[in-house]
């Protein structure tokens, strides 16, 4: 089992990964409360920008 670590605040993440891939990574690697939301997406629906918020 992987040890959980506190995450630094990352206001935005731009990636071609799916929402679920990012959410799963955050669940496995971040302690405390966090949330994320889709901020922007390109016309091809490939590149997305997520806003990630951490309580800690």
PDB file of N, CA and C in Angstrom:
ATOM      1  N   UNK A   1       0.847  -1.178   0.000  1.00  0.00           N
ATOM      2  CA  UNK A   1       0.000   0.000   0.000  1.00  0.00           C
ATOM      3  C   UNK A   1       0.893   1.243   0.000  1.00  0.00           C
ATOM      4  N   UNK A   2       0.537   2.204  -0.762  1.00  0.00           N
ATOM      5  CA  UNK A   2       1.297   3.438  -0.903  1.00  0.00           C
ATOM      6  C   UNK A   2       1.000   4.394   0.260  1.00  0.00           C
ATOM      7  N   UNK A   3       2.053   5.010   0.813  1.00  0.00           N
ATOM      8  CA  UNK A   3       1.865   5.980   1.893  1.00  0.00           C
ATOM      9  C   UNK A   3       1.299   7.277   1.335  1.00  0.00           C
ATOM     10  N   UNK A   4       0.303   7.850   2.014  1.00  0.00           N
ATOM     11  CA  UNK A   4      -0.303   9.111   1.572  1.00  0.00           C
ATOM     12  C   UNK A   4       0.585  10.264   1.986  1.00  0.00           C
ATOM     13  N   UNK A   5       0.631  11.284   1.165  1.00  0.00           N
ATOM     14  CA  UNK A   5       1.435  12.463   1.423  1.00  0.00           C
ATOM     15  C   UNK A   5       0.574  13.702   1.249  1.00  0.00           C
ATOM     16  N   UNK A   6       0.949  14.768   1.970  1.00  0.00           N
ATOM     17  CA  UNK A   6       0.262  16.034   1.768  1.00  0.00           C
ATOM     18  C   UNK A   6       0.686  16.621   0.426  1.00  0.00           C
ATOM     19  N   UNK A   7      -0.240  17.259  -0.253  1.00  0.00           N
ATOM     20  CA  UNK A   7       0.016  17.829  -1.569  1.00  0.00           C
ATOM     21  C   UNK A   7       0.171  19.344  -1.469  1.00  0.00           C
ATOM     22  N   UNK A   8       1.044  19.906  -2.276  1.00  0.00           N
ATOM     23  CA  UNK A   8       1.110  21.363  -2.349  1.00  0.00           C
ATOM     24  C   UNK A   8      -0.115  21.884  -3.097  1.00  0.00           C
ATOM     25  N   UNK A   9      -0.406  23.158  -2.932  1.00  0.00           N
ATOM     26  CA  UNK A   9      -1.526  23.758  -3.653  1.00  0.00           C
ATOM     27  C   UNK A   9      -1.154  23.896  -5.121  1.00  0.00           C
ATOM     28  N   UNK A  10      -1.973  23.355  -5.994  1.00  0.00           N
ATOM     29  CA  UNK A  10      -1.783  23.457  -7.438  1.00  0.00           C
ATOM     30  C   UNK A  10      -3.032  24.117  -7.997  1.00  0.00           C
ATOM     31  N   UNK A  11      -2.969  25.408  -8.304  1.00  0.00           N
ATOM     32  CA  UNK A  11      -4.196  26.083  -8.731  1.00  0.00           C
ATOM     33  C   UNK A  11      -4.778  25.531 -10.033  1.00  0.00           C
ATOM     34  N   UNK A  12      -3.934  25.225 -11.017  1.00  0.00           N
ATOM     35  CA  UNK A  12      -4.419  24.728 -12.307  1.00  0.00           C
ATOM     36  C   UNK A  12      -3.507  23.631 -12.826  1.00  0.00           C
ATOM     37  N   UNK A  13      -4.097  22.665 -13.488  1.00  0.00           N
ATOM     38  CA  UNK A  13      -3.365  21.579 -14.133  1.00  0.00           C
ATOM     39  C   UNK A  13      -3.911  21.456 -15.545  1.00  0.00           C
ATOM     40  N   UNK A  14      -3.041  21.526 -16.535  1.00  0.00           N
ATOM     41  CA  UNK A  14      -3.441  21.346 -17.930  1.00  0.00           C
ATOM     42  C   UNK A  14      -2.885  20.015 -18.410  1.00  0.00           C
ATOM     43  N   UNK A  15      -3.771  19.164 -18.951  1.00  0.00           N
ATOM     44  CA  UNK A  15      -3.390  17.812 -19.320  1.00  0.00           C
ATOM     45  C   UNK A  15      -4.332  17.259 -20.380  1.00  0.00           C
ATOM     46  N   UNK A  16      -3.924  16.161 -20.995  1.00  0.00           N
ATOM     47  CA  UNK A  16      -4.804  15.428 -21.901  1.00  0.00           C
ATOM     48  C   UNK A  16      -5.412  14.214 -21.198  1.00  0.00           C
ATOM     49  N   UNK A  17      -5.030  13.983 -19.943  1.00  0.00           N
ATOM     50  CA  UNK A  17      -5.591  12.876 -19.164  1.00  0.00           C
ATOM     51  C   UNK A  17      -7.058  13.148 -18.839  1.00  0.00           C
ATOM     52  N   UNK A  18      -7.781  12.089 -18.545  1.00  0.00           N
ATOM     53  CA  UNK A  18      -9.191  12.231 -18.202  1.00  0.00           C
ATOM     54  C   UNK A  18      -9.349  12.712 -16.761  1.00  0.00           C
ATOM     55  N   UNK A  19     -10.530  13.245 -16.464  1.00  0.00           N
ATOM     56  CA  UNK A  19     -10.876  13.689 -15.117  1.00  0.00           C
ATOM     57  C   UNK A  19     -10.660  12.544 -14.133  1.00  0.00           C
ATOM     58  N   UNK A  20     -11.117  11.359 -14.504  1.00  0.00           N
ATOM     59  CA  UNK A  20     -11.031  10.195 -13.614  1.00  0.00           C
ATOM     60  C   UNK A  20      -9.586   9.819 -13.291  1.00  0.00           C
ATOM     61  N   UNK A  21      -8.671   9.887 -14.250  1.00  0.00           N
ATOM     62  CA  UNK A  21      -7.262   9.573 -14.011  1.00  0.00           C
ATOM     63  C   UNK A  21      -6.673  10.535 -12.981  1.00  0.00           C
ATOM     64  N   UNK A  22      -6.968  11.824 -13.120  1.00  0.00           N
ATOM     65  CA  UNK A  22      -6.466  12.823 -12.180  1.00  0.00           C
ATOM     66  C   UNK A  22      -7.087  12.598 -10.804  1.00  0.00           C
ATOM     67  N   UNK A  23      -8.382  12.345 -10.775  1.00  0.00           N
ATOM     68  CA  UNK A  23      -9.085  12.112  -9.509  1.00  0.00           C
ATOM     69  C   UNK A  23      -8.519  10.889  -8.788  1.00  0.00           C
ATOM     70  N   UNK A  24      -8.264   9.806  -9.493  1.00  0.00           N
ATOM     71  CA  UNK A  24      -7.701   8.601  -8.888  1.00  0.00           C
ATOM     72  C   UNK A  24      -6.314   8.867  -8.323  1.00  0.00           C
ATOM     73  N   UNK A  25      -5.491   9.631  -9.047  1.00  0.00           N
ATOM     74  CA  UNK A  25      -4.148   9.953  -8.564  1.00  0.00           C
ATOM     75  C   UNK A  25      -4.241  10.769  -7.278  1.00  0.00           C
ATOM     76  N   UNK A  26      -5.124  11.752  -7.253  1.00  0.00           N
ATOM     77  CA  UNK A  26      -5.294  12.573  -6.055  1.00  0.00           C
ATOM     78  C   UNK A  26      -5.761  11.723  -4.872  1.00  0.00           C
ATOM     79  N   UNK A  27      -6.696  10.826  -5.088  1.00  0.00           N
ATOM     80  CA  UNK A  27      -7.192   9.944  -4.027  1.00  0.00           C
ATOM     81  C   UNK A  27      -6.071   9.095  -3.442  1.00  0.00           C
ATOM     82  N   UNK A  28      -5.177   8.599  -4.286  1.00  0.00           N
ATOM     83  CA  UNK A  28      -4.093   7.726  -3.849  1.00  0.00           C
ATOM     84  C   UNK A  28      -2.936   8.478  -3.211  1.00  0.00           C
ATOM     85  N   UNK A  29      -2.741   9.746  -3.554  1.00  0.00           N
ATOM     86  CA  UNK A  29      -1.523  10.440  -3.157  1.00  0.00           C
ATOM     87  C   UNK A  29      -1.700  11.657  -2.256  1.00  0.00           C
ATOM     88  N   UNK A  30      -2.914  12.051  -1.960  1.00  0.00           N
ATOM     89  CA  UNK A  30      -3.131  13.269  -1.185  1.00  0.00           C
ATOM     90  C   UNK A  30      -3.890  12.990   0.104  1.00  0.00           C
ATOM     91  N   UNK A  31      -3.353  13.522   1.189  1.00  0.00           N
ATOM     92  CA  UNK A  31      -4.038  13.446   2.475  1.00  0.00           C
ATOM     93  C   UNK A  31      -4.911  14.681   2.623  1.00  0.00           C
ATOM     94  N   UNK A  32      -5.941  14.589   3.414  1.00  0.00           N
ATOM     95  CA  UNK A  32      -6.791  15.749   3.653  1.00  0.00           C
ATOM     96  C   UNK A  32      -7.822  15.936   2.558  1.00  0.00           C
ATOM     97  N   UNK A  33      -8.580  17.006   2.725  1.00  0.00           N
ATOM     98  CA  UNK A  33      -9.642  17.281   1.771  1.00  0.00           C
ATOM     99  C   UNK A  33      -9.121  18.029   0.555  1.00  0.00           C
ATOM    100  N   UNK A  34      -9.683  17.709  -0.592  1.00  0.00           N
ATOM    101  CA  UNK A  34      -9.341  18.387  -1.838  1.00  0.00           C
ATOM    102  C   UNK A  34     -10.549  18.314  -2.756  1.00  0.00           C
ATOM    103  N   UNK A  35     -10.532  19.135  -3.762  1.00  0.00           N
ATOM    104  CA  UNK A  35     -11.580  19.126  -4.768  1.00  0.00           C
ATOM    105  C   UNK A  35     -11.001  19.594  -6.087  1.00  0.00           C
ATOM    106  N   UNK A  36     -11.679  19.279  -7.160  1.00  0.00           N
ATOM    107  CA  UNK A  36     -11.203  19.732  -8.464  1.00  0.00           C
ATOM    108  C   UNK A  36     -12.389  19.985  -9.378  1.00  0.00           C
ATOM    109  N   UNK A  37     -12.174  20.854 -10.328  1.00  0.00           N
ATOM    110  CA  UNK A  37     -13.211  21.166 -11.286  1.00  0.00           C
ATOM    111  C   UNK A  37     -12.625  21.482 -12.641  1.00  0.00           C
ATOM    112  N   UNK A  38     -13.370  21.211 -13.668  1.00  0.00           N
ATOM    113  CA  UNK A  38     -12.944  21.502 -15.033  1.00  0.00           C
ATOM    114  C   UNK A  38     -13.068  23.001 -15.279  1.00  0.00           C
ATOM    115  N   UNK A  39     -11.989  23.630 -15.709  1.00  0.00           N
ATOM    116  CA  UNK A  39     -11.967  25.064 -15.954  1.00  0.00           C
ATOM    117  C   UNK A  39     -12.050  25.413 -17.438  1.00  0.00           C
ATOM    118  N   UNK A  40     -11.432  24.569 -18.292  1.00  0.00           N
ATOM    119  CA  UNK A  40     -11.385  24.873 -19.718  1.00  0.00           C
ATOM    120  C   UNK A  40     -11.099  23.594 -20.489  1.00  0.00           C
ATOM    121  N   UNK A  41     -11.474  23.578 -21.781  1.00  0.00           N
ATOM    122  CA  UNK A  41     -11.213  22.433 -22.651  1.00  0.00           C
ATOM    123  C   UNK A  41     -11.032  22.958 -24.072  1.00  0.00           C
ATOM    124  N   UNK A  42     -10.093  22.353 -24.800  1.00  0.00           N
ATOM    125  CA  UNK A  42      -9.879  22.810 -26.173  1.00  0.00           C
ATOM    126  C   UNK A  42     -11.004  22.338 -27.094  1.00  0.00           C
ATOM    127  N   UNK A  43     -11.023  22.834 -28.311  1.00  0.00           N
ATOM    128  CA  UNK A  43     -12.091  22.517 -29.265  1.00  0.00           C
ATOM    129  C   UNK A  43     -12.136  21.039 -29.637  1.00  0.00           C
ATOM    130  N   UNK A  44     -10.989  20.370 -29.568  1.00  0.00           N
ATOM    131  CA  UNK A  44     -10.927  18.940 -29.899  1.00  0.00           C
ATOM    132  C   UNK A  44     -11.314  18.059 -28.707  1.00  0.00           C
ATOM    133  N   UNK A  45     -11.624  18.679 -27.575  1.00  0.00           N
ATOM    134  CA  UNK A  45     -11.992  17.982 -26.347  1.00  0.00           C
ATOM    135  C   UNK A  45     -10.877  17.068 -25.834  1.00  0.00           C
ATOM    136  N   UNK A  46      -9.638  17.417 -26.149  1.00  0.00           N
ATOM    137  CA  UNK A  46      -8.500  16.602 -25.739  1.00  0.00           C
ATOM    138  C   UNK A  46      -7.762  17.222 -24.557  1.00  0.00           C
ATOM    139  N   UNK A  47      -7.363  18.472 -24.669  1.00  0.00           N
ATOM    140  CA  UNK A  47      -6.621  19.132 -23.608  1.00  0.00           C
ATOM    141  C   UNK A  47      -7.583  19.844 -22.663  1.00  0.00           C
ATOM    142  N   UNK A  48      -7.403  19.558 -21.376  1.00  0.00           N
ATOM    143  CA  UNK A  48      -8.290  20.113 -20.362  1.00  0.00           C
ATOM    144  C   UNK A  48      -7.480  20.842 -19.302  1.00  0.00           C
ATOM    145  N   UNK A  49      -8.072  21.864 -18.703  1.00  0.00           N
ATOM    146  CA  UNK A  49      -7.471  22.560 -17.574  1.00  0.00           C
ATOM    147  C   UNK A  49      -8.362  22.345 -16.359  1.00  0.00           C
ATOM    148  N   UNK A  50      -7.760  21.845 -15.272  1.00  0.00           N
ATOM    149  CA  UNK A  50      -8.474  21.594 -14.042  1.00  0.00           C
ATOM    150  C   UNK A  50      -7.988  22.546 -12.968  1.00  0.00           C
ATOM    151  N   UNK A  51      -8.900  23.019 -12.139  1.00  0.00           N
ATOM    152  CA  UNK A  51      -8.536  23.775 -10.947  1.00  0.00           C
ATOM    153  C   UNK A  51      -8.586  22.781  -9.798  1.00  0.00           C
ATOM    154  N   UNK A  52      -7.486  22.693  -9.043  1.00  0.00           N
ATOM    155  CA  UNK A  52      -7.390  21.757  -7.929  1.00  0.00           C
ATOM    156  C   UNK A  52      -7.263  22.566  -6.645  1.00  0.00           C
ATOM    157  N   UNK A  53      -8.096  22.266  -5.664  1.00  0.00           N
ATOM    158  CA  UNK A  53      -8.110  22.997  -4.405  1.00  0.00           C
ATOM    159  C   UNK A  53      -7.842  22.053  -3.250  1.00  0.00           C
ATOM    160  N   UNK A  54      -6.960  22.472  -2.361  1.00  0.00           N
ATOM    161  CA  UNK A  54      -6.592  21.665  -1.190  1.00  0.00           C
ATOM    162  C   UNK A  54      -6.962  22.391   0.093  1.00  0.00           C
ATOM    163  N   UNK A  55      -7.469  21.644   1.064  1.00  0.00           N
ATOM    164  CA  UNK A  55      -7.807  22.222   2.368  1.00  0.00           C
ATOM    165  C   UNK A  55      -6.528  22.503   3.167  1.00  0.00           C
ATOM    166  N   UNK A  56      -5.495  21.701   2.947  1.00  0.00           N
ATOM    167  CA  UNK A  56      -4.230  21.855   3.673  1.00  0.00           C
ATOM    168  C   UNK A  56      -3.265  22.663   2.837  1.00  0.00           C
TER     169      UNK A  56
END
